[in-house]
Amino acid sequence: MAKRRTLAGEVFAEGVTLHAGVPVHMRLAPAPPGDGIAFRRSDVPGSALIPALWSNVAETRLGTVLKGPDGTSVGVVEHLLSAAAGIGIDDCLIEIDGPEPPILDGDALSFVRLFDKAGLRDAVGPRDMIRVLREVRVAAGDASARLLPATESEFFFEIEFPSAVIGRQTFQCPLTEAAFRRDIAPARTFGFLHEADALRAAGYGRGAGLTNTLVIDGNRLLNPELRRFPDEFVRHKILDAVGDLKLAGAALIARFEGYRSSHTLNNALLRALFAGPALYERVQS
C-alpha cells in the first residue's frame, strides 16, 4: 500500500440502509489525488461534499455520522470506510441518494467486492501517512482505546458480553490488504433481539434482519448459518475501528488497542491525537 490509490472506474450498488431502513442507490467513483474520500447526498440538490474526516463526525451513538458544512449528513459510514482503508483506497467520491450507504451483507466484504469490480488505480506521487510518536489514550468507564507507536498499522480488540454466544473475545492483526480481506472484511455486524423494538422505535436498526445481521437472543444465535468465524463479533469490532480511524484523513502508522471501545471512543481517540502536535508526524511514502 505504498502508492496513493483510487478507483479505475465507477461502480453502482443499491440496497436498504441499516438504521433508516429505506432503499438507496450508491455510486462509487474515482477522485483526483489528494481529494481524499468524500460523500455527497445526491438526493439533496446543491448539497456540499462531506469529507470523510474525524472533525466532521456529528454523532456516534450506533454508527459514525458525518455532517458537511451545509448541515447535510450521512450515517453508518464505518463499514464502507473500513473497506477503503483495508485495501488502501485514498481518494474516492461516494454519492448516495439517502441518509446512509446500503447495509448490504452487514460486513465490509460487500464494499471490497464493489471496489474490486470498479478496479483500483495507483496515482502518481507520494502517499500521505500519519506516524504516531507517543501513546494516546482515551477511556470511559471500563472501556478504552489507545494508539501506540509501531512500525506498521496493527489492530487489537477485546470485548466481553454476558451472552454465551460471545463471552470474552480478543483478536489482533496487521492492517495489510491480505489480512484485512481474509480476517476482517467478512465479519458481519451483530445485535441483540431484546433491544430490537426499542431501537426501531427510536429510528435505529429498521433495515437490520436475519440476512445481514448476526442476531443474538439470550445465549442463542438465531441465524448461525450466517456466521463466518467463531470469534466474528470481535473481528467486526476491529472492522468498525478500521473504518473509524480511516477518518484520520491519511493512513495511520500505529498500533490500535480497543477494550470494549465504541464509535464514540474511536472518534475521541482521533481528536486526542490531533490535539497534540507532538504526538504524531506526517510522512510520505
Protein backbone atom coordinates (compact mmCIF):
# COMPACT_ATOMS: atom_id res chain seq x y z
CA MET A 1 0.00 0.00 0.00
CA ALA A 2 2.89 2.40 -0.69
CA LYS A 3 1.20 4.27 -3.55
CA ARG A 4 -1.79 6.56 -3.41
CA ARG A 5 -4.80 4.69 -4.76
CA THR A 6 -8.21 5.47 -6.22
CA LEU A 7 -10.74 3.58 -8.37
CA ALA A 8 -10.13 2.77 -12.01
CA GLY A 9 -13.80 3.34 -12.85
CA GLU A 10 -17.19 3.86 -11.29
CA VAL A 11 -19.48 1.23 -9.81
CA PHE A 12 -23.07 1.26 -8.56
CA ALA A 13 -24.96 -0.53 -5.80
CA GLU A 14 -28.38 -0.44 -4.22
CA GLY A 15 -29.90 -1.80 -1.06
CA VAL A 16 -31.59 -0.98 2.22
CA THR A 17 -29.97 1.19 4.89
CA LEU A 18 -29.23 -0.23 8.34
CA HIS A 19 -30.95 2.32 10.55
CA ALA A 20 -33.46 4.24 8.42
CA GLY A 21 -34.49 1.06 6.63
CA VAL A 22 -35.04 2.83 3.31
CA PRO A 23 -33.83 1.82 -0.17
CA VAL A 24 -30.86 3.77 -1.54
CA HIS A 25 -28.70 3.87 -4.63
CA MET A 26 -24.95 4.47 -4.34
CA ARG A 27 -22.26 5.43 -6.82
CA LEU A 28 -18.55 4.96 -6.12
CA ALA A 29 -16.27 6.94 -8.43
CA PRO A 30 -12.59 7.83 -8.87
CA ALA A 31 -11.29 11.06 -7.35
CA PRO A 32 -8.13 13.08 -8.10
CA PRO A 33 -5.04 12.50 -5.94
CA GLY A 34 -5.27 14.49 -2.74
CA ASP A 35 -9.07 14.79 -2.72
CA GLY A 36 -9.40 12.08 -0.11
CA ILE A 37 -12.70 10.27 0.45
CA ALA A 38 -15.84 12.37 0.36
CA PHE A 39 -19.59 11.75 0.39
CA ARG A 40 -22.30 13.59 -1.50
CA ARG A 41 -26.03 13.32 -0.89
CA SER A 42 -27.40 13.14 -4.43
CA ASP A 43 -30.96 13.40 -3.07
CA VAL A 44 -30.25 16.88 -1.65
CA PRO A 45 -29.91 19.32 -4.59
CA GLY A 46 -26.87 21.54 -4.31
CA SER A 47 -25.57 19.85 -1.16
CA ALA A 48 -21.89 20.26 -0.33
CA LEU A 49 -19.35 17.49 -0.30
CA ILE A 50 -18.87 15.82 3.10
CA PRO A 51 -15.17 14.98 3.57
CA ALA A 52 -14.57 11.76 5.48
CA LEU A 53 -12.67 13.39 8.35
CA TRP A 54 -12.74 12.99 12.14
CA SER A 55 -13.60 16.68 12.54
CA ASN A 56 -16.86 16.17 10.59
CA VAL A 57 -18.20 13.46 12.91
CA ALA A 58 -21.50 14.71 14.31
CA GLU A 59 -22.89 11.59 16.04
CA THR A 60 -21.57 8.22 17.19
CA ARG A 61 -24.40 6.53 19.07
CA LEU A 62 -24.98 3.49 16.85
CA GLY A 63 -22.71 4.29 13.95
CA THR A 64 -20.49 7.09 12.75
CA VAL A 65 -22.39 10.03 11.25
CA LEU A 66 -20.65 12.73 9.20
CA LYS A 67 -22.03 16.23 8.69
CA GLY A 68 -21.00 18.61 5.92
CA PRO A 69 -20.55 22.38 6.03
CA ASP A 70 -24.17 22.95 4.95
CA GLY A 71 -25.59 20.61 7.59
CA THR A 72 -26.20 17.68 5.26
CA SER A 73 -25.30 14.38 6.91
CA VAL A 74 -24.57 10.77 6.03
CA GLY A 75 -24.54 8.00 8.61
CA VAL A 76 -23.18 4.50 9.19
CA VAL A 77 -20.09 5.19 7.09
CA GLU A 78 -17.76 2.88 9.03
CA HIS A 79 -18.23 -0.33 7.00
CA LEU A 80 -17.58 1.41 3.69
CA LEU A 81 -14.63 3.35 5.09
CA SER A 82 -13.24 0.17 6.61
CA ALA A 83 -13.23 -1.46 3.18
CA ALA A 84 -11.47 1.58 1.71
CA ALA A 85 -8.85 1.54 4.46
CA GLY A 86 -8.34 -2.21 4.28
CA ILE A 87 -7.48 -2.24 0.59
CA GLY A 88 -5.65 1.08 0.61
CA ILE A 89 -8.03 3.46 -1.19
CA ASP A 90 -7.07 7.08 -0.53
CA ASP A 91 -9.30 9.04 -2.93
CA CYS A 92 -12.92 8.24 -3.78
CA LEU A 93 -16.22 10.04 -4.34
CA ILE A 94 -19.28 8.35 -2.81
CA GLU A 95 -22.72 9.55 -3.92
CA ILE A 96 -25.82 8.30 -2.11
CA ASP A 97 -29.48 9.26 -2.60
CA GLY A 98 -30.33 8.68 1.05
CA PRO A 99 -29.16 9.03 4.64
CA GLU A 100 -26.73 6.06 4.75
CA PRO A 101 -24.89 3.67 2.46
CA PRO A 102 -26.76 0.40 1.97
CA ILE A 103 -26.05 -2.19 4.66
CA LEU A 104 -25.67 -4.96 2.01
CA ASP A 105 -24.38 -8.07 3.88
CA GLY A 106 -23.58 -6.20 7.11
CA ASP A 107 -19.84 -6.51 6.52
CA ALA A 108 -17.01 -4.73 4.70
CA LEU A 109 -16.52 -7.55 2.19
CA SER A 110 -19.55 -6.36 0.21
CA PHE A 111 -17.87 -2.99 -0.33
CA VAL A 112 -14.49 -4.59 -1.06
CA ARG A 113 -16.18 -6.52 -3.86
CA LEU A 114 -17.63 -3.30 -5.24
CA PHE A 115 -14.20 -1.67 -5.22
CA ASP A 116 -12.77 -4.72 -6.93
CA LYS A 117 -15.49 -4.52 -9.58
CA ALA A 118 -14.57 -0.89 -10.27
CA GLY A 119 -10.88 -1.75 -10.32
CA LEU A 120 -8.09 0.04 -8.48
CA ARG A 121 -5.62 2.52 -9.91
CA ASP A 122 -2.38 3.79 -8.39
CA ALA A 123 -1.78 7.53 -8.65
CA VAL A 124 1.45 9.29 -9.46
CA GLY A 125 3.02 10.85 -6.39
CA PRO A 126 3.59 10.00 -2.73
CA ARG A 127 1.06 8.64 -0.26
CA ASP A 128 0.38 10.66 2.88
CA MET A 129 0.67 8.85 6.21
CA ILE A 130 0.49 9.76 9.89
CA ARG A 131 3.04 8.18 12.21
CA VAL A 132 2.09 8.06 15.89
CA LEU A 133 5.07 9.04 18.07
CA ARG A 134 3.69 8.70 21.59
CA GLU A 135 0.88 6.81 23.30
CA VAL A 136 -2.56 8.38 23.02
CA ARG A 137 -5.34 7.00 25.24
CA VAL A 138 -9.00 7.77 25.93
CA ALA A 139 -11.39 6.00 28.29
CA ALA A 140 -14.99 5.98 29.51
CA GLY A 141 -15.87 3.71 32.41
CA ASP A 142 -14.45 0.24 31.72
CA ALA A 143 -13.96 0.96 28.01
CA SER A 144 -10.81 2.41 26.49
CA ALA A 145 -8.88 2.87 23.28
CA ARG A 146 -5.32 3.82 22.59
CA LEU A 147 -2.78 4.33 19.84
CA LEU A 148 0.82 3.22 20.30
CA PRO A 149 3.92 3.82 18.16
CA ALA A 150 4.53 0.95 15.74
CA THR A 151 6.38 0.19 12.54
CA GLU A 152 3.16 -0.77 10.73
CA SER A 153 -0.58 -0.44 11.18
CA GLU A 154 -1.87 -3.01 13.68
CA PHE A 155 -5.22 -3.60 15.40
CA PHE A 156 -6.07 -5.35 18.66
CA PHE A 157 -9.53 -5.55 20.24
CA GLU A 158 -11.08 -7.17 23.28
CA ILE A 159 -14.80 -7.45 24.02
CA GLU A 160 -16.89 -9.15 26.69
CA PHE A 161 -20.65 -9.72 26.73
CA PRO A 162 -22.78 -11.75 29.17
CA SER A 163 -24.25 -13.83 26.34
CA ALA A 164 -22.57 -17.23 25.97
CA VAL A 165 -22.68 -16.70 22.20
CA ILE A 166 -19.97 -14.05 22.60
CA GLY A 167 -18.42 -14.16 26.07
CA ARG A 168 -14.90 -12.74 26.08
CA GLN A 169 -13.16 -12.49 22.72
CA THR A 170 -9.85 -10.98 21.57
CA PHE A 171 -8.29 -10.66 18.15
CA GLN A 172 -5.36 -8.86 16.60
CA CYS A 173 -3.92 -8.50 13.13
CA PRO A 174 -1.77 -6.24 10.98
CA LEU A 175 -3.69 -3.98 8.63
CA THR A 176 -2.32 -5.49 5.45
CA GLU A 177 -4.60 -5.91 2.46
CA ALA A 178 -4.32 -9.69 2.59
CA ALA A 179 -5.08 -9.89 6.32
CA PHE A 180 -7.99 -7.47 6.01
CA ARG A 181 -9.60 -9.34 3.14
CA ARG A 182 -9.18 -12.69 4.89
CA ASP A 183 -9.70 -11.96 8.59
CA ILE A 184 -11.72 -8.76 8.99
CA ALA A 185 -13.76 -7.79 5.92
CA PRO A 186 -16.14 -10.82 6.08
CA ALA A 187 -17.16 -10.22 9.74
CA ARG A 188 -20.82 -9.19 9.95
CA THR A 189 -22.42 -6.69 12.28
CA PHE A 190 -24.43 -8.07 15.21
CA GLY A 191 -27.27 -7.10 17.52
CA PHE A 192 -29.43 -8.32 20.37
CA LEU A 193 -33.06 -9.32 19.87
CA HIS A 194 -34.20 -7.85 23.20
CA GLU A 195 -33.06 -4.38 22.07
CA ALA A 196 -34.67 -4.50 18.63
CA ASP A 197 -38.10 -3.00 19.42
CA ALA A 198 -36.70 -0.07 21.39
CA LEU A 199 -34.10 0.67 18.73
CA ARG A 200 -36.62 0.64 15.92
CA ALA A 201 -38.96 2.88 17.88
CA ALA A 202 -36.07 5.33 18.21
CA GLY A 203 -35.34 5.18 14.47
CA TYR A 204 -32.45 2.70 14.52
CA GLY A 205 -31.97 -0.79 13.10
CA ARG A 206 -35.00 -0.69 10.80
CA GLY A 207 -33.02 -2.30 7.99
CA ALA A 208 -31.38 -4.96 10.15
CA GLY A 209 -32.57 -8.52 9.73
CA LEU A 210 -31.63 -12.16 9.77
CA THR A 211 -29.98 -11.90 6.34
CA ASN A 212 -27.49 -9.11 7.14
CA THR A 213 -27.03 -9.09 10.93
CA LEU A 214 -26.00 -11.75 13.43
CA VAL A 215 -28.93 -11.70 15.86
CA ILE A 216 -28.43 -12.88 19.42
CA ASP A 217 -31.33 -13.97 21.63
CA GLY A 218 -30.04 -14.64 25.12
CA ASN A 219 -27.47 -17.42 24.78
CA ARG A 220 -28.58 -18.39 21.29
CA LEU A 221 -27.62 -17.14 17.82
CA LEU A 222 -30.80 -17.04 15.73
CA ASN A 223 -29.07 -17.28 12.35
CA PRO A 224 -25.93 -19.42 12.80
CA GLU A 225 -25.83 -20.12 9.05
CA LEU A 226 -24.58 -16.53 8.54
CA ARG A 227 -21.68 -16.92 10.94
CA ARG A 228 -18.27 -16.89 9.24
CA PHE A 229 -15.90 -17.05 12.25
CA PRO A 230 -16.22 -18.43 15.80
CA ASP A 231 -14.99 -15.04 17.04
CA GLU A 232 -16.81 -12.96 14.42
CA PHE A 233 -18.06 -10.41 16.96
CA VAL A 234 -14.64 -9.10 17.98
CA ARG A 235 -13.48 -9.17 14.36
CA HIS A 236 -16.40 -6.92 13.47
CA LYS A 237 -15.35 -4.52 16.22
CA ILE A 238 -11.95 -4.30 14.55
CA LEU A 239 -13.74 -3.74 11.24
CA ASP A 240 -15.58 -0.79 12.79
CA ALA A 241 -12.39 0.60 14.32
CA VAL A 242 -10.55 0.41 10.99
CA GLY A 243 -13.37 2.43 9.43
CA ASP A 244 -13.49 4.96 12.24
CA LEU A 245 -9.72 5.52 12.11
CA LYS A 246 -9.88 6.00 8.33
CA LEU A 247 -11.30 9.40 9.31
CA ALA A 248 -7.75 10.46 10.24
CA GLY A 249 -7.55 11.51 6.61
CA ALA A 250 -4.38 9.54 5.95
CA ALA A 251 -3.06 6.06 6.66
CA LEU A 252 -2.09 5.67 10.33
CA ILE A 253 1.19 4.02 11.26
CA ALA A 254 0.31 2.89 14.78
CA ARG A 255 -0.98 0.03 16.89
CA PHE A 256 -4.63 0.47 17.87
CA GLU A 257 -5.84 -1.27 21.02
CA GLY A 258 -9.52 -1.23 21.90
CA TYR A 259 -11.06 -2.58 25.08
CA ARG A 260 -14.85 -2.53 24.67
CA SER A 261 -14.31 0.59 22.61
CA SER A 262 -17.11 2.27 20.66
CA HIS A 263 -17.53 4.66 17.75
CA THR A 264 -17.59 7.44 20.34
CA LEU A 265 -14.25 6.45 21.85
CA ASN A 266 -12.70 5.80 18.45
CA ASN A 267 -13.52 9.34 17.39
CA ALA A 268 -12.38 10.73 20.74
CA LEU A 269 -9.06 8.95 20.17
CA LEU A 270 -8.52 10.77 16.88
CA ARG A 271 -9.48 14.08 18.46
CA ALA A 272 -6.95 13.47 21.25
CA LEU A 273 -4.28 12.57 18.72
CA PHE A 274 -4.70 15.69 16.63
CA ALA A 275 -4.98 17.91 19.70
CA GLY A 276 -1.29 17.20 20.45
CA PRO A 277 1.13 18.15 17.66
CA ALA A 278 3.97 16.32 19.45
CA LEU A 279 2.01 13.04 19.35
CA TYR A 280 2.42 12.41 15.64
CA GLU A 281 4.21 13.38 12.46
CA ARG A 282 3.07 13.49 8.86
CA VAL A 283 5.22 11.48 6.47
CA GLN A 284 5.06 10.39 2.84
CA SER A 285 5.81 7.03 1.31
